[in-house]
Structures are given as structure tokens and as C-alpha cells.
Amino acid sequence: MSKKRYTLYISRPLARRFDLIAQQRNGAKSALVEEALRAALQPQQHAGLDEGLARRLNELNRVVAGLRREMAVATETLAIFVRYFLTVTPPLPQDEQEPARLLGRERYHVLLTEVGRRVAENERLVAEVIATVPVAQTDLFAKPPDDTPITAHPTDRNGHASSAHHDEETDHG
């Protein structure tokens, strides 16, 4: 292989270190410069680096999948609760609204205290809830298939009465 000659200028402190390393390698300055340039211009893969990164990425994927599931459970729980609360809670008479606000503030402070305690102690209710949610059962308010059938009005995914049941009601009354 033919080689090309270069004239280089480097700082004196670096030149002293370069001379010292070259002496330790039996004076092969050209080989040392070529090795350094090759490493700088074409970084080689370190053995085991790809496997370590792949392992770490797989671990991160599992963590993200778990977080995604926890977030879905928390979001769905909140949405179902809000829908349920808004549909079954009647408005309060005017004279009961102020005592209800005071009770609401007290309950809110208890909630904040409990959330703070659970977070500080790393005691997550979400993990307990996730462990109890049956994945195959889409309607959490329905009885399990082995129990007696539900006689309540069928609803669609948005909680509205299904059209078949609605038609029956309008025919009868």
C-alpha cells in the first residue's frame, strides 16, 4: 500500500507526549498517527456495546409499556367516575350548597394528604387497581359471565341506552 507524506504542526506539550508514546511503541510515529486518525475518522464499535444498548432499550420499552397501561387505567377510571358522578348526582338545594362546599374542601384536603402519603411511601393504588382489572371484561359494571344475566338497560360504549331498548320503550309508552 502506498503512503502519502504530510507535514504537521502540533503544540509542544502534545509533541512531548507524542514522542513519549512513540518511544514506548518502538518509535513508530507514523503508525501511531495513522491509528489515531483511523480511530477519529472511523470510530470502531466497542465489543458488547450493541448488545448492552439493545438490552437497555428492551428494558425501557417494557417500562414504557407498563406506564402506558397504568396511564390508560387511570384515565379510564377517571373518565368512568366523572361520567358516573355527573349522571347520578342530583343538584343540591340552595340551602345545602354551602355545607356541601365545606365538606368538599375537607374531603379534598384528606385526598391530598392521602395522595401525598402514598407517593412519599411509593405505595401506588394504581398498581392495586391494575391487578384487579379483568382484561377480557369490557364492562366493569357487568356481572361476570358465570353469574345471573344483567337485567338493566343495555348501553353503548358512551353510556347511552342502546337503540333497540330505546325503541322498545317508545313502543310501550
N, C-alpha and C. Protein backbone atom coordinates (compact mmCIF):
# COMPACT_ATOMS: atom_id res chain seq x y z
N MET A 1 0.86 -1.18 0.00
CA MET A 1 0.00 0.00 0.00
C MET A 1 0.90 1.23 0.00
N SER A 2 0.61 2.18 -0.91
CA SER A 2 1.42 3.39 -0.97
C SER A 2 0.96 4.38 0.09
N LYS A 3 1.86 5.22 0.49
CA LYS A 3 1.54 6.18 1.56
C LYS A 3 1.83 7.58 1.07
N LYS A 4 1.14 8.56 1.66
CA LYS A 4 1.32 9.96 1.31
C LYS A 4 1.97 10.66 2.49
N ARG A 5 2.88 11.57 2.19
CA ARG A 5 3.62 12.27 3.23
C ARG A 5 2.91 13.58 3.59
N TYR A 6 2.80 13.85 4.93
CA TYR A 6 2.23 15.09 5.44
C TYR A 6 3.22 15.74 6.39
N THR A 7 3.18 17.05 6.44
CA THR A 7 3.96 17.79 7.42
C THR A 7 2.94 18.41 8.37
N LEU A 8 3.05 18.07 9.65
CA LEU A 8 2.08 18.52 10.64
C LEU A 8 2.76 19.38 11.69
N TYR A 9 2.02 20.32 12.23
CA TYR A 9 2.49 21.13 13.34
C TYR A 9 1.57 20.86 14.52
N ILE A 10 2.17 20.53 15.67
CA ILE A 10 1.39 20.31 16.89
C ILE A 10 2.05 21.07 18.02
N SER A 11 1.27 21.33 19.06
CA SER A 11 1.80 22.11 20.19
C SER A 11 2.93 21.34 20.87
N ARG A 12 3.82 22.09 21.55
CA ARG A 12 4.97 21.45 22.21
C ARG A 12 4.54 20.44 23.28
N PRO A 13 3.57 20.74 24.17
CA PRO A 13 3.18 19.74 25.18
C PRO A 13 2.65 18.45 24.53
N LEU A 14 1.85 18.60 23.47
CA LEU A 14 1.33 17.43 22.79
C LEU A 14 2.46 16.68 22.08
N ALA A 15 3.41 17.43 21.52
CA ALA A 15 4.56 16.81 20.84
C ALA A 15 5.38 15.98 21.82
N ARG A 16 5.59 16.50 23.06
CA ARG A 16 6.35 15.74 24.06
C ARG A 16 5.63 14.44 24.41
N ARG A 17 4.30 14.51 24.60
CA ARG A 17 3.52 13.29 24.90
C ARG A 17 3.58 12.32 23.72
N PHE A 18 3.50 12.87 22.49
CA PHE A 18 3.55 12.05 21.29
C PHE A 18 4.90 11.32 21.19
N ASP A 19 5.98 12.04 21.44
CA ASP A 19 7.31 11.42 21.41
C ASP A 19 7.43 10.32 22.46
N LEU A 20 6.90 10.56 23.66
CA LEU A 20 6.98 9.58 24.74
C LEU A 20 6.22 8.30 24.37
N ILE A 21 5.01 8.45 23.86
CA ILE A 21 4.21 7.29 23.46
C ILE A 21 4.90 6.55 22.31
N ALA A 22 5.44 7.30 21.34
CA ALA A 22 6.12 6.68 20.20
C ALA A 22 7.34 5.88 20.67
N GLN A 23 8.09 6.40 21.66
CA GLN A 23 9.23 5.65 22.21
C GLN A 23 8.77 4.34 22.84
N GLN A 24 7.63 4.40 23.56
CA GLN A 24 7.11 3.20 24.20
C GLN A 24 6.67 2.17 23.15
N ARG A 25 6.37 2.63 21.96
CA ARG A 25 5.94 1.74 20.87
C ARG A 25 7.06 1.54 19.86
N ASN A 26 8.25 1.62 20.31
CA ASN A 26 9.44 1.40 19.46
C ASN A 26 9.58 2.41 18.34
N GLY A 27 9.22 3.67 18.59
CA GLY A 27 9.47 4.76 17.66
C GLY A 27 8.59 4.80 16.43
N ALA A 28 7.46 4.13 16.41
CA ALA A 28 6.60 4.08 15.23
C ALA A 28 5.62 5.25 15.24
N LYS A 29 6.12 6.46 14.96
CA LYS A 29 5.28 7.66 14.98
C LYS A 29 4.23 7.62 13.87
N SER A 30 4.61 7.20 12.70
CA SER A 30 3.66 7.16 11.58
C SER A 30 2.51 6.20 11.89
N ALA A 31 2.84 5.05 12.44
CA ALA A 31 1.80 4.07 12.77
C ALA A 31 0.88 4.62 13.86
N LEU A 32 1.45 5.34 14.83
CA LEU A 32 0.65 5.93 15.91
C LEU A 32 -0.30 7.00 15.36
N VAL A 33 0.17 7.86 14.47
CA VAL A 33 -0.68 8.90 13.87
C VAL A 33 -1.77 8.25 13.01
N GLU A 34 -1.38 7.23 12.23
CA GLU A 34 -2.37 6.55 11.39
C GLU A 34 -3.45 5.89 12.24
N GLU A 35 -3.04 5.26 13.33
CA GLU A 35 -4.01 4.61 14.24
C GLU A 35 -4.95 5.65 14.86
N ALA A 36 -4.40 6.78 15.28
CA ALA A 36 -5.22 7.83 15.89
C ALA A 36 -6.19 8.43 14.88
N LEU A 37 -5.72 8.67 13.66
CA LEU A 37 -6.60 9.21 12.62
C LEU A 37 -7.71 8.22 12.26
N ARG A 38 -7.36 6.94 12.15
CA ARG A 38 -8.37 5.93 11.83
C ARG A 38 -9.44 5.90 12.92
N ALA A 39 -9.02 5.94 14.19
CA ALA A 39 -9.97 5.91 15.30
C ALA A 39 -10.84 7.16 15.30
N ALA A 40 -10.26 8.30 14.94
CA ALA A 40 -11.01 9.55 14.96
C ALA A 40 -11.95 9.66 13.76
N LEU A 41 -11.53 9.16 12.61
CA LEU A 41 -12.33 9.30 11.40
C LEU A 41 -13.33 8.16 11.18
N GLN A 42 -13.03 6.99 11.71
CA GLN A 42 -13.92 5.84 11.58
C GLN A 42 -14.01 5.14 12.93
N PRO A 43 -14.81 5.70 13.82
CA PRO A 43 -14.87 5.08 15.15
C PRO A 43 -15.36 3.63 15.04
N GLN A 44 -14.62 2.73 15.66
CA GLN A 44 -14.99 1.32 15.63
C GLN A 44 -15.96 1.03 16.75
N GLN A 45 -16.82 0.02 16.53
CA GLN A 45 -17.77 -0.39 17.55
C GLN A 45 -17.02 -1.09 18.68
N HIS A 46 -17.40 -0.77 19.88
CA HIS A 46 -16.83 -1.46 21.03
C HIS A 46 -17.57 -2.78 21.19
N ALA A 47 -16.84 -3.82 21.48
CA ALA A 47 -17.44 -5.14 21.63
C ALA A 47 -18.46 -5.12 22.78
N GLY A 48 -19.66 -5.63 22.50
CA GLY A 48 -20.70 -5.72 23.52
C GLY A 48 -21.54 -4.47 23.66
N LEU A 49 -21.16 -3.39 23.00
CA LEU A 49 -21.91 -2.14 23.14
C LEU A 49 -23.32 -2.28 22.55
N ASP A 50 -23.42 -2.87 21.36
CA ASP A 50 -24.74 -3.03 20.73
C ASP A 50 -25.66 -3.90 21.58
N GLU A 51 -25.13 -4.99 22.12
CA GLU A 51 -25.95 -5.87 22.94
C GLU A 51 -26.43 -5.16 24.20
N GLY A 52 -25.56 -4.39 24.82
CA GLY A 52 -25.93 -3.64 26.02
C GLY A 52 -27.00 -2.60 25.73
N LEU A 53 -26.83 -1.90 24.62
CA LEU A 53 -27.83 -0.89 24.24
C LEU A 53 -29.17 -1.55 23.90
N ALA A 54 -29.12 -2.66 23.20
CA ALA A 54 -30.36 -3.36 22.85
C ALA A 54 -31.06 -3.85 24.12
N ARG A 55 -30.31 -4.37 25.06
CA ARG A 55 -30.88 -4.84 26.32
C ARG A 55 -31.54 -3.68 27.07
N ARG A 56 -30.84 -2.56 27.11
CA ARG A 56 -31.36 -1.38 27.81
C ARG A 56 -32.61 -0.84 27.12
N LEU A 57 -32.60 -0.81 25.78
CA LEU A 57 -33.78 -0.35 25.04
C LEU A 57 -34.96 -1.28 25.27
N ASN A 58 -34.73 -2.57 25.32
CA ASN A 58 -35.82 -3.51 25.60
C ASN A 58 -36.39 -3.27 26.99
N GLU A 59 -35.51 -3.03 27.94
CA GLU A 59 -35.96 -2.74 29.31
C GLU A 59 -36.80 -1.46 29.34
N LEU A 60 -36.33 -0.43 28.64
CA LEU A 60 -37.07 0.83 28.58
C LEU A 60 -38.42 0.64 27.88
N ASN A 61 -38.47 -0.20 26.85
CA ASN A 61 -39.74 -0.50 26.18
C ASN A 61 -40.72 -1.14 27.15
N ARG A 62 -40.25 -2.07 27.98
CA ARG A 62 -41.14 -2.71 28.95
C ARG A 62 -41.64 -1.69 29.97
N VAL A 63 -40.78 -0.81 30.42
CA VAL A 63 -41.19 0.21 31.38
C VAL A 63 -42.23 1.14 30.76
N VAL A 64 -41.99 1.57 29.53
CA VAL A 64 -42.94 2.47 28.85
C VAL A 64 -44.27 1.77 28.63
N ALA A 65 -44.24 0.49 28.28
CA ALA A 65 -45.50 -0.25 28.08
C ALA A 65 -46.27 -0.33 29.40
N GLY A 66 -45.57 -0.56 30.50
CA GLY A 66 -46.23 -0.58 31.80
C GLY A 66 -46.82 0.77 32.15
N LEU A 67 -46.07 1.83 31.89
CA LEU A 67 -46.57 3.18 32.15
C LEU A 67 -47.77 3.49 31.27
N ARG A 68 -47.72 3.05 30.03
CA ARG A 68 -48.84 3.28 29.12
C ARG A 68 -50.10 2.60 29.65
N ARG A 69 -49.95 1.38 30.14
CA ARG A 69 -51.11 0.64 30.67
C ARG A 69 -51.63 1.32 31.94
N GLU A 70 -50.71 1.72 32.82
CA GLU A 70 -51.14 2.41 34.04
C GLU A 70 -51.87 3.71 33.70
N MET A 71 -51.36 4.45 32.73
CA MET A 71 -51.98 5.71 32.33
C MET A 71 -53.37 5.45 31.74
N ALA A 72 -53.50 4.39 30.95
CA ALA A 72 -54.80 4.05 30.36
C ALA A 72 -55.80 3.69 31.46
N VAL A 73 -55.36 2.92 32.44
CA VAL A 73 -56.25 2.53 33.54
C VAL A 73 -56.66 3.77 34.34
N ALA A 74 -55.70 4.62 34.65
CA ALA A 74 -56.00 5.83 35.42
C ALA A 74 -56.95 6.75 34.66
N THR A 75 -56.71 6.93 33.37
CA THR A 75 -57.55 7.80 32.56
C THR A 75 -58.96 7.24 32.44
N GLU A 76 -59.07 5.95 32.16
CA GLU A 76 -60.39 5.33 32.04
C GLU A 76 -61.13 5.37 33.37
N THR A 77 -60.42 5.12 34.47
CA THR A 77 -61.03 5.18 35.79
C THR A 77 -61.59 6.56 36.06
N LEU A 78 -60.81 7.57 35.78
CA LEU A 78 -61.27 8.94 35.99
C LEU A 78 -62.46 9.26 35.09
N ALA A 79 -62.38 8.87 33.83
CA ALA A 79 -63.48 9.16 32.90
C ALA A 79 -64.77 8.47 33.34
N ILE A 80 -64.68 7.20 33.74
CA ILE A 80 -65.87 6.47 34.18
C ILE A 80 -66.43 7.10 35.45
N PHE A 81 -65.55 7.46 36.38
CA PHE A 81 -66.01 8.08 37.62
C PHE A 81 -66.71 9.41 37.34
N VAL A 82 -66.11 10.24 36.52
CA VAL A 82 -66.71 11.54 36.21
C VAL A 82 -68.06 11.35 35.53
N ARG A 83 -68.13 10.45 34.55
CA ARG A 83 -69.41 10.21 33.88
C ARG A 83 -70.45 9.71 34.88
N TYR A 84 -70.08 8.77 35.72
CA TYR A 84 -70.99 8.22 36.72
C TYR A 84 -71.44 9.32 37.69
N PHE A 85 -70.48 10.07 38.21
CA PHE A 85 -70.79 11.13 39.17
C PHE A 85 -71.73 12.17 38.58
N LEU A 86 -71.44 12.59 37.35
CA LEU A 86 -72.26 13.62 36.72
C LEU A 86 -73.66 13.13 36.37
N THR A 87 -73.80 11.83 36.13
CA THR A 87 -75.13 11.34 35.74
C THR A 87 -75.99 10.95 36.93
N VAL A 88 -75.41 10.65 38.10
CA VAL A 88 -76.23 10.20 39.24
C VAL A 88 -76.35 11.23 40.35
N THR A 89 -75.55 12.28 40.32
CA THR A 89 -75.59 13.27 41.40
C THR A 89 -76.61 14.35 41.07
N PRO A 90 -77.68 14.42 41.87
CA PRO A 90 -78.67 15.47 41.62
C PRO A 90 -78.15 16.82 42.13
N PRO A 91 -78.65 17.92 41.59
CA PRO A 91 -78.24 19.22 42.10
C PRO A 91 -78.75 19.41 43.54
N LEU A 92 -77.96 20.11 44.35
CA LEU A 92 -78.34 20.34 45.74
C LEU A 92 -79.25 21.56 45.85
N PRO A 93 -80.18 21.52 46.81
CA PRO A 93 -80.97 22.72 47.08
C PRO A 93 -80.05 23.86 47.54
N GLN A 94 -80.46 25.07 47.33
CA GLN A 94 -79.64 26.25 47.64
C GLN A 94 -79.15 26.25 49.09
N ASP A 95 -80.00 25.90 50.05
CA ASP A 95 -79.61 25.97 51.46
C ASP A 95 -78.61 24.88 51.85
N GLU A 96 -78.38 23.85 51.01
CA GLU A 96 -77.43 22.79 51.31
C GLU A 96 -76.10 22.96 50.58
N GLN A 97 -76.01 23.97 49.70
CA GLN A 97 -74.80 24.11 48.88
C GLN A 97 -73.58 24.53 49.69
N GLU A 98 -73.71 25.49 50.61
CA GLU A 98 -72.56 25.95 51.39
C GLU A 98 -72.02 24.84 52.29
N PRO A 99 -72.86 24.13 53.06
CA PRO A 99 -72.32 23.00 53.85
C PRO A 99 -71.65 21.93 52.95
N ALA A 100 -72.18 21.72 51.76
CA ALA A 100 -71.59 20.75 50.84
C ALA A 100 -70.21 21.22 50.37
N ARG A 101 -70.06 22.53 50.13
CA ARG A 101 -68.75 23.08 49.74
C ARG A 101 -67.73 22.89 50.85
N LEU A 102 -68.14 23.15 52.10
CA LEU A 102 -67.23 22.97 53.23
C LEU A 102 -66.81 21.51 53.37
N LEU A 103 -67.77 20.61 53.25
CA LEU A 103 -67.46 19.18 53.32
C LEU A 103 -66.55 18.78 52.15
N GLY A 104 -66.80 19.34 50.98
CA GLY A 104 -65.96 19.07 49.81
C GLY A 104 -64.53 19.51 50.03
N ARG A 105 -64.34 20.70 50.66
CA ARG A 105 -62.98 21.18 50.96
C ARG A 105 -62.28 20.25 51.93
N GLU A 106 -63.00 19.80 52.97
CA GLU A 106 -62.41 18.86 53.94
C GLU A 106 -62.00 17.57 53.24
N ARG A 107 -62.88 17.03 52.43
CA ARG A 107 -62.58 15.78 51.72
C ARG A 107 -61.41 15.97 50.77
N TYR A 108 -61.33 17.15 50.12
CA TYR A 108 -60.24 17.43 49.20
C TYR A 108 -58.90 17.43 49.94
N HIS A 109 -58.86 18.02 51.12
CA HIS A 109 -57.62 18.03 51.91
C HIS A 109 -57.24 16.62 52.34
N VAL A 110 -58.23 15.81 52.71
CA VAL A 110 -57.95 14.41 53.04
C VAL A 110 -57.38 13.69 51.82
N LEU A 111 -57.97 13.94 50.65
CA LEU A 111 -57.48 13.34 49.41
C LEU A 111 -56.02 13.73 49.15
N LEU A 112 -55.72 15.02 49.25
CA LEU A 112 -54.35 15.48 49.01
C LEU A 112 -53.37 14.85 50.00
N THR A 113 -53.78 14.74 51.26
CA THR A 113 -52.93 14.13 52.27
C THR A 113 -52.66 12.66 51.92
N GLU A 114 -53.70 11.94 51.54
CA GLU A 114 -53.55 10.52 51.19
C GLU A 114 -52.68 10.35 49.95
N VAL A 115 -52.88 11.17 48.92
CA VAL A 115 -52.05 11.09 47.72
C VAL A 115 -50.60 11.39 48.07
N GLY A 116 -50.37 12.43 48.85
CA GLY A 116 -49.00 12.77 49.26
C GLY A 116 -48.33 11.64 50.03
N ARG A 117 -49.08 11.01 50.95
CA ARG A 117 -48.53 9.90 51.73
C ARG A 117 -48.17 8.72 50.82
N ARG A 118 -49.10 8.37 49.92
CA ARG A 118 -48.86 7.22 49.03
C ARG A 118 -47.68 7.47 48.11
N VAL A 119 -47.56 8.68 47.58
CA VAL A 119 -46.44 8.99 46.70
C VAL A 119 -45.13 8.96 47.49
N ALA A 120 -45.13 9.55 48.69
CA ALA A 120 -43.92 9.58 49.50
C ALA A 120 -43.47 8.18 49.90
N GLU A 121 -44.42 7.28 50.15
CA GLU A 121 -44.09 5.92 50.57
C GLU A 121 -44.03 4.96 49.39
N ASN A 122 -44.17 5.48 48.16
CA ASN A 122 -44.15 4.67 46.95
C ASN A 122 -45.18 3.53 47.02
N GLU A 123 -46.32 3.84 47.57
CA GLU A 123 -47.42 2.88 47.73
C GLU A 123 -48.51 3.29 46.74
N ARG A 124 -48.47 2.73 45.55
CA ARG A 124 -49.37 3.17 44.49
C ARG A 124 -50.66 2.36 44.44
N LEU A 125 -51.78 3.06 44.51
CA LEU A 125 -53.08 2.41 44.39
C LEU A 125 -53.30 1.93 42.96
N VAL A 126 -52.70 2.62 41.99
CA VAL A 126 -52.85 2.24 40.59
C VAL A 126 -52.42 0.79 40.39
N ALA A 127 -51.30 0.41 41.01
CA ALA A 127 -50.83 -0.97 40.87
C ALA A 127 -51.85 -1.96 41.43
N GLU A 128 -52.48 -1.60 42.56
CA GLU A 128 -53.51 -2.46 43.14
C GLU A 128 -54.72 -2.56 42.21
N VAL A 129 -55.11 -1.43 41.64
CA VAL A 129 -56.27 -1.41 40.74
C VAL A 129 -55.98 -2.22 39.49
N ILE A 130 -54.81 -2.03 38.90
CA ILE A 130 -54.45 -2.74 37.69
C ILE A 130 -54.48 -4.25 37.92
N ALA A 131 -54.04 -4.67 39.10
CA ALA A 131 -54.02 -6.10 39.41
C ALA A 131 -55.43 -6.68 39.49
N THR A 132 -56.42 -5.85 39.78
CA THR A 132 -57.79 -6.36 39.93
C THR A 132 -58.64 -6.18 38.69
N VAL A 133 -58.16 -5.46 37.68
CA VAL A 133 -58.95 -5.21 36.48
C VAL A 133 -58.89 -6.43 35.57
N PRO A 134 -60.04 -7.04 35.29
CA PRO A 134 -60.05 -8.17 34.36
C PRO A 134 -59.91 -7.65 32.93
N VAL A 135 -58.87 -8.06 32.25
CA VAL A 135 -58.57 -7.52 30.92
C VAL A 135 -59.65 -7.89 29.91
N ALA A 136 -60.21 -9.10 29.99
CA ALA A 136 -61.18 -9.54 28.99
C ALA A 136 -62.57 -8.95 29.21
N GLN A 137 -62.85 -8.45 30.41
CA GLN A 137 -64.19 -7.93 30.70
C GLN A 137 -64.23 -6.45 30.35
N THR A 138 -65.00 -6.11 29.31
CA THR A 138 -65.02 -4.72 28.85
C THR A 138 -65.95 -3.84 29.66
N ASP A 139 -67.02 -4.42 30.21
CA ASP A 139 -67.95 -3.64 31.01
C ASP A 139 -67.72 -3.97 32.49
N LEU A 140 -67.04 -3.08 33.18
CA LEU A 140 -66.66 -3.35 34.56
C LEU A 140 -67.84 -3.35 35.52
N PHE A 141 -69.00 -2.84 35.07
CA PHE A 141 -70.17 -2.81 35.92
C PHE A 141 -71.06 -4.03 35.71
N ALA A 142 -70.70 -4.83 34.72
CA ALA A 142 -71.48 -6.04 34.44
C ALA A 142 -71.05 -7.14 35.39
N LYS A 143 -71.95 -8.08 35.60
CA LYS A 143 -71.60 -9.24 36.43
C LYS A 143 -70.77 -10.19 35.59
N PRO A 144 -69.91 -10.98 36.23
CA PRO A 144 -69.13 -11.96 35.47
C PRO A 144 -70.05 -12.92 34.73
N PRO A 145 -69.59 -13.50 33.63
CA PRO A 145 -70.43 -14.36 32.81
C PRO A 145 -71.04 -15.54 33.57
N ASP A 146 -70.43 -16.04 34.62
CA ASP A 146 -70.95 -17.20 35.33
C ASP A 146 -72.09 -16.83 36.28
N ASP A 147 -72.33 -15.53 36.52
CA ASP A 147 -73.44 -15.10 37.37
C ASP A 147 -74.71 -14.97 36.56
N THR A 148 -75.79 -14.62 37.23
CA THR A 148 -77.06 -14.44 36.54
C THR A 148 -76.95 -13.26 35.58
N PRO A 149 -77.69 -13.29 34.48
CA PRO A 149 -77.60 -12.21 33.50
C PRO A 149 -78.08 -10.88 34.06
N ILE A 150 -77.57 -9.83 33.49
CA ILE A 150 -77.93 -8.48 33.90
C ILE A 150 -79.28 -8.12 33.31
N THR A 151 -80.14 -7.52 34.13
CA THR A 151 -81.47 -7.13 33.64
C THR A 151 -81.57 -5.63 33.43
N ALA A 152 -80.48 -4.92 33.67
CA ALA A 152 -80.50 -3.47 33.48
C ALA A 152 -80.55 -3.14 32.00
N HIS A 153 -80.82 -1.88 31.70
CA HIS A 153 -80.91 -1.44 30.32
C HIS A 153 -79.55 -1.54 29.66
N PRO A 154 -79.46 -2.12 28.46
CA PRO A 154 -78.18 -2.18 27.77
C PRO A 154 -77.75 -0.79 27.34
N THR A 155 -76.45 -0.56 27.37
CA THR A 155 -75.92 0.75 26.97
C THR A 155 -74.81 0.55 25.97
N ASP A 156 -74.56 1.61 25.20
CA ASP A 156 -73.43 1.56 24.28
C ASP A 156 -72.18 2.02 25.03
N ARG A 157 -71.06 2.15 24.32
CA ARG A 157 -69.79 2.50 24.96
C ARG A 157 -69.82 3.87 25.63
N ASN A 158 -70.73 4.75 25.20
CA ASN A 158 -70.80 6.10 25.76
C ASN A 158 -71.78 6.19 26.92
N GLY A 159 -72.38 5.06 27.30
CA GLY A 159 -73.28 5.06 28.44
C GLY A 159 -74.71 5.40 28.08
N HIS A 160 -75.01 5.53 26.80
CA HIS A 160 -76.37 5.85 26.37
C HIS A 160 -77.15 4.56 26.16
N ALA A 161 -78.47 4.62 26.37
CA ALA A 161 -79.31 3.44 26.15
C ALA A 161 -79.20 3.03 24.70
N SER A 162 -79.11 1.71 24.47
CA SER A 162 -78.98 1.24 23.10
C SER A 162 -80.27 1.52 22.33
N SER A 163 -80.17 1.61 21.00
CA SER A 163 -81.33 1.97 20.18
C SER A 163 -82.41 0.90 20.24
N ALA A 164 -82.04 -0.38 20.35
CA ALA A 164 -83.05 -1.45 20.42
C ALA A 164 -83.90 -1.29 21.67
N HIS A 165 -83.26 -0.99 22.80
CA HIS A 165 -84.01 -0.82 24.04
C HIS A 165 -84.84 0.45 23.98
N HIS A 166 -84.27 1.49 23.37
CA HIS A 166 -84.98 2.77 23.24
C HIS A 166 -86.25 2.58 22.41
N ASP A 167 -86.16 1.78 21.34
CA ASP A 167 -87.34 1.52 20.50
C ASP A 167 -88.42 0.80 21.28
N GLU A 168 -88.02 -0.16 22.15
CA GLU A 168 -88.99 -0.88 22.97
C GLU A 168 -89.74 0.08 23.89
N GLU A 169 -89.01 1.02 24.50
CA GLU A 169 -89.64 1.96 25.41
C GLU A 169 -90.65 2.84 24.69
N THR A 170 -90.29 3.29 23.48
CA THR A 170 -91.20 4.19 22.77
C THR A 170 -92.43 3.45 22.27
N ASP A 171 -92.32 2.14 21.97
CA ASP A 171 -93.47 1.36 21.56
C ASP A 171 -94.48 1.19 22.68
N HIS A 172 -93.97 1.07 23.92
CA HIS A 172 -94.85 0.79 25.06
C HIS A 172 -95.41 2.04 25.72
N GLY A 173 -94.84 3.14 25.47
CA GLY A 173 -95.36 4.24 26.25
C GLY A 173 -95.07 5.50 25.62
